Amino acid sequence: MKNKQMEILFLPTDRGTVKVYVYGFKTPRSSGQVIVSFDNVSVEAKGYRRNKTIIKALAQLHETIVNNQDS
């Protein structure tokens, strides 16, 4: 049976808390998944480099929030 582990990061901001859930990235060159959520908006990113995938997910979340505010 596989033992799944998750890392959770909480990033406090003036408008609330950004929650980052990180799965995978156990060994070098292994894939992983990052889910970032803020209020009722969630974004998912997959990749092979942990830090770059987290940054990519945060950038997607930012883009989603900015686009929703303009509408």
Protein backbone atom coordinates (compact mmCIF):
# COMPACT_ATOMS: atom_id res chain seq x y z
CA MET A 1 0.00 0.00 0.00
CA LYS A 2 1.33 3.41 -0.94
CA ASN A 3 1.86 5.89 1.85
CA LYS A 4 0.76 9.30 0.58
CA GLN A 5 2.22 12.35 2.24
CA MET A 6 1.23 15.95 1.86
CA GLU A 7 2.97 19.15 2.89
CA ILE A 8 0.81 22.15 3.76
CA LEU A 9 2.06 25.73 3.70
CA PHE A 10 0.03 28.65 5.04
CA LEU A 11 0.92 32.06 3.62
CA PRO A 12 -0.76 34.90 5.55
CA THR A 13 -1.71 38.04 3.62
CA ASP A 14 -3.66 41.20 4.50
CA ARG A 15 -6.77 39.80 2.79
CA GLY A 16 -6.63 36.24 4.12
CA THR A 17 -4.52 33.11 4.08
CA VAL A 18 -3.22 31.33 0.99
CA LYS A 19 -3.06 27.56 1.50
CA VAL A 20 -0.53 25.54 -0.50
CA TYR A 21 -0.86 21.74 -0.60
CA VAL A 22 2.18 19.89 -1.99
CA TYR A 23 2.05 16.20 -3.01
CA GLY A 24 4.88 14.07 -4.39
CA PHE A 25 8.39 15.34 -5.24
CA LYS A 26 9.88 12.48 -3.19
CA THR A 27 13.04 11.92 -5.23
CA PRO A 28 14.83 14.02 -7.85
CA ARG A 29 13.04 13.97 -11.21
CA SER A 30 9.84 12.61 -9.69
CA SER A 31 6.60 14.38 -10.46
CA GLY A 32 4.43 16.15 -7.98
CA GLN A 33 1.28 18.18 -7.65
CA VAL A 34 0.59 21.54 -6.02
CA ILE A 35 -2.86 22.84 -5.14
CA VAL A 36 -3.17 26.47 -4.07
CA SER A 37 -6.35 27.91 -2.60
CA PHE A 38 -7.49 31.33 -1.47
CA ASP A 39 -11.08 32.04 -0.42
CA ASN A 40 -13.17 30.05 -2.91
CA VAL A 41 -10.54 29.95 -5.70
CA SER A 42 -8.31 26.90 -6.19
CA VAL A 43 -5.61 26.22 -8.78
CA GLU A 44 -3.69 23.02 -9.50
CA ALA A 45 -0.26 22.64 -11.10
CA LYS A 46 1.82 19.56 -11.86
CA GLY A 47 5.53 19.39 -12.51
CA TYR A 48 8.91 17.87 -11.76
CA ARG A 49 10.57 20.72 -9.86
CA ARG A 50 8.99 21.45 -6.48
CA ASN A 51 9.85 25.15 -6.13
CA LYS A 52 9.06 26.04 -9.74
CA THR A 53 5.74 24.19 -9.54
CA ILE A 54 4.77 26.07 -6.37
CA ILE A 55 5.65 29.39 -8.01
CA LYS A 56 3.72 28.40 -11.15
CA ALA A 57 0.61 27.56 -9.09
CA LEU A 58 0.84 30.82 -7.13
CA ALA A 59 1.18 32.79 -10.38
CA GLN A 60 -1.88 31.01 -11.81
CA LEU A 61 -3.85 31.80 -8.65
CA HIS A 62 -2.85 35.45 -8.87
CA GLU A 63 -3.86 35.59 -12.54
CA THR A 64 -7.21 33.95 -11.76
CA ILE A 65 -7.97 36.36 -8.93
CA VAL A 66 -6.99 39.44 -10.96
CA ASN A 67 -9.10 38.31 -13.94
CA ASN A 68 -12.13 37.62 -11.72
CA GLN A 69 -11.92 41.08 -10.12
CA ASP A 70 -11.95 42.81 -13.52
CA SER A 71 -15.14 40.99 -14.61
